[in-house]
Amino acid sequence: MSYFVYIVQCSDNTLYTGIATDVQRRVEEHNSSAKGAKYTKTRRPVKLMYSEELDDRSQATKREIAIKKLSREKKLELINA
């Protein structure tokens, strides 16, 4: 099963990074479900800006942590690359 690391842009222009097996479903959850992250619930709607496919959950988690450590500027560079 593939995992994805994704970045969404919230309505207040902040960026949120997460992992999922189905990115579209997860973005929908962020926008309209109680299953959305606490951070994004008050910043709806969110818009998918970036996703990256990885082989397993371990790799996805490591990549998520690495992306979360990046500055906003570096995250925007990743999105625009």
N, C-alpha and C. Protein backbone atom coordinates (compact mmCIF):
# COMPACT_ATOMS: atom_id res chain seq x y z
N MET A 1 0.83 -1.18 0.00
CA MET A 1 0.00 0.00 0.00
C MET A 1 0.88 1.24 0.00
N SER A 2 0.57 2.17 -0.87
CA SER A 2 1.31 3.43 -0.93
C SER A 2 0.78 4.42 0.10
N TYR A 3 1.66 5.26 0.54
CA TYR A 3 1.31 6.37 1.43
C TYR A 3 1.72 7.67 0.75
N PHE A 4 1.06 8.72 1.11
CA PHE A 4 1.34 10.03 0.54
C PHE A 4 1.61 11.03 1.65
N VAL A 5 2.56 11.90 1.40
CA VAL A 5 2.77 13.09 2.23
C VAL A 5 2.11 14.21 1.44
N TYR A 6 1.37 15.06 2.12
CA TYR A 6 0.69 16.14 1.41
C TYR A 6 0.80 17.44 2.19
N ILE A 7 0.64 18.53 1.45
CA ILE A 7 0.59 19.86 2.06
C ILE A 7 -0.69 20.52 1.56
N VAL A 8 -1.48 21.03 2.48
CA VAL A 8 -2.66 21.81 2.12
C VAL A 8 -2.47 23.24 2.58
N GLN A 9 -3.08 24.14 1.85
CA GLN A 9 -3.10 25.55 2.25
C GLN A 9 -4.45 25.82 2.87
N CYS A 10 -4.45 26.37 4.06
CA CYS A 10 -5.68 26.67 4.79
C CYS A 10 -6.22 28.04 4.36
N SER A 11 -7.45 28.33 4.76
CA SER A 11 -8.09 29.58 4.38
C SER A 11 -7.35 30.81 4.91
N ASP A 12 -6.59 30.65 5.98
CA ASP A 12 -5.81 31.78 6.52
C ASP A 12 -4.40 31.84 5.93
N ASN A 13 -4.19 31.06 4.86
CA ASN A 13 -2.93 31.03 4.10
C ASN A 13 -1.81 30.28 4.81
N THR A 14 -2.10 29.59 5.91
CA THR A 14 -1.08 28.76 6.56
C THR A 14 -1.01 27.42 5.83
N LEU A 15 0.07 26.69 6.07
CA LEU A 15 0.28 25.40 5.43
C LEU A 15 0.21 24.29 6.48
N TYR A 16 -0.43 23.19 6.12
CA TYR A 16 -0.54 22.03 7.01
C TYR A 16 0.00 20.82 6.25
N THR A 17 0.84 20.03 6.90
CA THR A 17 1.44 18.84 6.29
C THR A 17 0.94 17.59 7.00
N GLY A 18 0.60 16.56 6.24
CA GLY A 18 0.14 15.31 6.82
C GLY A 18 0.46 14.13 5.92
N ILE A 19 0.03 12.93 6.36
CA ILE A 19 0.19 11.73 5.54
C ILE A 19 -1.17 11.05 5.41
N ALA A 20 -1.34 10.29 4.32
CA ALA A 20 -2.60 9.60 4.07
C ALA A 20 -2.37 8.50 3.03
N THR A 21 -3.30 7.56 2.98
CA THR A 21 -3.27 6.56 1.93
C THR A 21 -4.10 7.02 0.73
N ASP A 22 -5.03 7.93 0.95
CA ASP A 22 -5.89 8.48 -0.10
C ASP A 22 -5.95 10.00 0.12
N VAL A 23 -5.19 10.73 -0.65
CA VAL A 23 -5.06 12.17 -0.44
C VAL A 23 -6.38 12.89 -0.66
N GLN A 24 -7.10 12.56 -1.72
CA GLN A 24 -8.36 13.26 -2.01
C GLN A 24 -9.37 13.07 -0.88
N ARG A 25 -9.46 11.84 -0.37
CA ARG A 25 -10.38 11.56 0.75
C ARG A 25 -9.96 12.37 1.97
N ARG A 26 -8.65 12.42 2.22
CA ARG A 26 -8.16 13.13 3.40
C ARG A 26 -8.42 14.63 3.29
N VAL A 27 -8.23 15.20 2.13
CA VAL A 27 -8.52 16.63 1.95
C VAL A 27 -10.01 16.88 2.18
N GLU A 28 -10.85 15.99 1.69
CA GLU A 28 -12.29 16.11 1.91
C GLU A 28 -12.61 16.04 3.40
N GLU A 29 -11.94 15.16 4.13
CA GLU A 29 -12.13 15.08 5.58
C GLU A 29 -11.72 16.38 6.26
N HIS A 30 -10.62 16.96 5.81
CA HIS A 30 -10.19 18.24 6.38
C HIS A 30 -11.25 19.32 6.15
N ASN A 31 -11.92 19.25 5.02
CA ASN A 31 -12.88 20.29 4.66
C ASN A 31 -14.28 20.10 5.22
N SER A 32 -14.68 18.86 5.49
CA SER A 32 -16.10 18.69 5.82
C SER A 32 -16.41 17.62 6.85
N SER A 33 -15.43 17.07 7.50
CA SER A 33 -15.68 15.96 8.39
C SER A 33 -15.11 16.22 9.79
N ALA A 34 -15.67 15.53 10.75
CA ALA A 34 -15.13 15.59 12.11
C ALA A 34 -13.77 14.89 12.18
N LYS A 35 -13.43 14.12 11.15
CA LYS A 35 -12.15 13.41 11.11
C LYS A 35 -10.99 14.31 10.69
N GLY A 36 -11.28 15.53 10.29
CA GLY A 36 -10.23 16.46 9.90
C GLY A 36 -9.37 16.81 11.10
N ALA A 37 -8.15 17.23 10.84
CA ALA A 37 -7.24 17.60 11.92
C ALA A 37 -7.78 18.80 12.69
N LYS A 38 -7.49 18.83 13.97
CA LYS A 38 -7.94 19.95 14.82
C LYS A 38 -7.46 21.28 14.24
N TYR A 39 -6.23 21.30 13.75
CA TYR A 39 -5.67 22.54 13.20
C TYR A 39 -6.48 23.05 12.02
N THR A 40 -6.91 22.16 11.13
CA THR A 40 -7.59 22.60 9.91
C THR A 40 -9.08 22.86 10.12
N LYS A 41 -9.67 22.34 11.18
CA LYS A 41 -11.11 22.52 11.40
C LYS A 41 -11.52 23.98 11.49
N THR A 42 -10.66 24.80 12.05
CA THR A 42 -10.99 26.22 12.19
C THR A 42 -10.41 27.05 11.04
N ARG A 43 -9.81 26.38 10.06
CA ARG A 43 -9.17 27.09 8.95
C ARG A 43 -9.68 26.58 7.60
N ARG A 44 -10.91 26.17 7.56
CA ARG A 44 -11.52 25.65 6.33
C ARG A 44 -11.93 26.79 5.42
N PRO A 45 -11.96 26.57 4.12
CA PRO A 45 -11.59 25.33 3.43
C PRO A 45 -10.07 25.24 3.23
N VAL A 46 -9.61 24.01 3.02
CA VAL A 46 -8.20 23.79 2.70
C VAL A 46 -8.11 23.39 1.23
N LYS A 47 -6.93 23.65 0.65
CA LYS A 47 -6.71 23.34 -0.76
C LYS A 47 -5.42 22.56 -0.88
N LEU A 48 -5.47 21.44 -1.58
CA LEU A 48 -4.27 20.62 -1.79
C LEU A 48 -3.26 21.39 -2.64
N MET A 49 -2.04 21.48 -2.12
CA MET A 49 -0.98 22.21 -2.82
C MET A 49 0.14 21.28 -3.31
N TYR A 50 0.30 20.13 -2.61
CA TYR A 50 1.45 19.25 -2.92
C TYR A 50 1.16 17.86 -2.38
N SER A 51 1.59 16.85 -3.12
CA SER A 51 1.57 15.48 -2.60
C SER A 51 2.75 14.71 -3.19
N GLU A 52 3.20 13.74 -2.43
CA GLU A 52 4.36 12.94 -2.79
C GLU A 52 4.09 11.50 -2.36
N GLU A 53 4.23 10.56 -3.27
CA GLU A 53 3.94 9.15 -2.97
C GLU A 53 5.19 8.46 -2.45
N LEU A 54 4.99 7.66 -1.39
CA LEU A 54 6.08 6.89 -0.80
C LEU A 54 5.63 5.43 -0.65
N ASP A 55 6.60 4.54 -0.46
CA ASP A 55 6.30 3.11 -0.47
C ASP A 55 5.60 2.60 0.78
N ASP A 56 5.89 3.18 1.94
CA ASP A 56 5.27 2.67 3.16
C ASP A 56 5.09 3.77 4.19
N ARG A 57 4.41 3.44 5.26
CA ARG A 57 4.09 4.43 6.29
C ARG A 57 5.34 5.00 6.96
N SER A 58 6.33 4.15 7.17
CA SER A 58 7.56 4.58 7.80
C SER A 58 8.25 5.68 6.98
N GLN A 59 8.39 5.45 5.68
CA GLN A 59 9.00 6.45 4.81
C GLN A 59 8.17 7.73 4.79
N ALA A 60 6.84 7.58 4.74
CA ALA A 60 5.95 8.74 4.71
C ALA A 60 6.07 9.56 5.99
N THR A 61 6.15 8.89 7.12
CA THR A 61 6.28 9.58 8.40
C THR A 61 7.61 10.34 8.47
N LYS A 62 8.67 9.70 8.03
CA LYS A 62 9.98 10.36 8.03
C LYS A 62 9.98 11.58 7.12
N ARG A 63 9.36 11.46 5.97
CA ARG A 63 9.28 12.58 5.03
C ARG A 63 8.42 13.70 5.59
N GLU A 64 7.31 13.33 6.23
CA GLU A 64 6.42 14.33 6.85
C GLU A 64 7.20 15.14 7.90
N ILE A 65 7.95 14.45 8.73
CA ILE A 65 8.74 15.13 9.76
C ILE A 65 9.77 16.07 9.12
N ALA A 66 10.41 15.61 8.05
CA ALA A 66 11.40 16.44 7.37
C ALA A 66 10.75 17.69 6.78
N ILE A 67 9.57 17.54 6.17
CA ILE A 67 8.88 18.68 5.58
C ILE A 67 8.42 19.65 6.67
N LYS A 68 7.93 19.12 7.78
CA LYS A 68 7.47 19.98 8.87
C LYS A 68 8.60 20.83 9.45
N LYS A 69 9.83 20.35 9.33
CA LYS A 69 10.98 21.10 9.84
C LYS A 69 11.40 22.24 8.90
N LEU A 70 10.92 22.21 7.67
CA LEU A 70 11.27 23.25 6.71
C LEU A 70 10.61 24.57 7.06
N SER A 71 11.24 25.64 6.67
CA SER A 71 10.62 26.96 6.83
C SER A 71 9.47 27.07 5.83
N ARG A 72 8.60 28.04 6.06
CA ARG A 72 7.49 28.27 5.13
C ARG A 72 8.04 28.52 3.72
N GLU A 73 9.10 29.31 3.64
CA GLU A 73 9.71 29.62 2.35
C GLU A 73 10.16 28.35 1.62
N LYS A 74 10.80 27.45 2.34
CA LYS A 74 11.26 26.19 1.74
C LYS A 74 10.08 25.30 1.34
N LYS A 75 9.02 25.30 2.13
CA LYS A 75 7.81 24.54 1.77
C LYS A 75 7.21 25.08 0.48
N LEU A 76 7.18 26.39 0.34
CA LEU A 76 6.65 27.00 -0.89
C LEU A 76 7.53 26.66 -2.08
N GLU A 77 8.83 26.60 -1.88
CA GLU A 77 9.75 26.18 -2.96
C GLU A 77 9.45 24.74 -3.37
N LEU A 78 9.21 23.87 -2.40
CA LEU A 78 8.87 22.48 -2.68
C LEU A 78 7.56 22.40 -3.49
N ILE A 79 6.58 23.16 -3.07
CA ILE A 79 5.27 23.19 -3.75
C ILE A 79 5.45 23.65 -5.20
N ASN A 80 6.27 24.67 -5.40
CA ASN A 80 6.43 25.26 -6.74
C ASN A 80 7.43 24.55 -7.63
N ALA A 81 8.16 23.59 -7.08
CA ALA A 81 9.18 22.87 -7.87
C ALA A 81 8.56 21.96 -8.91
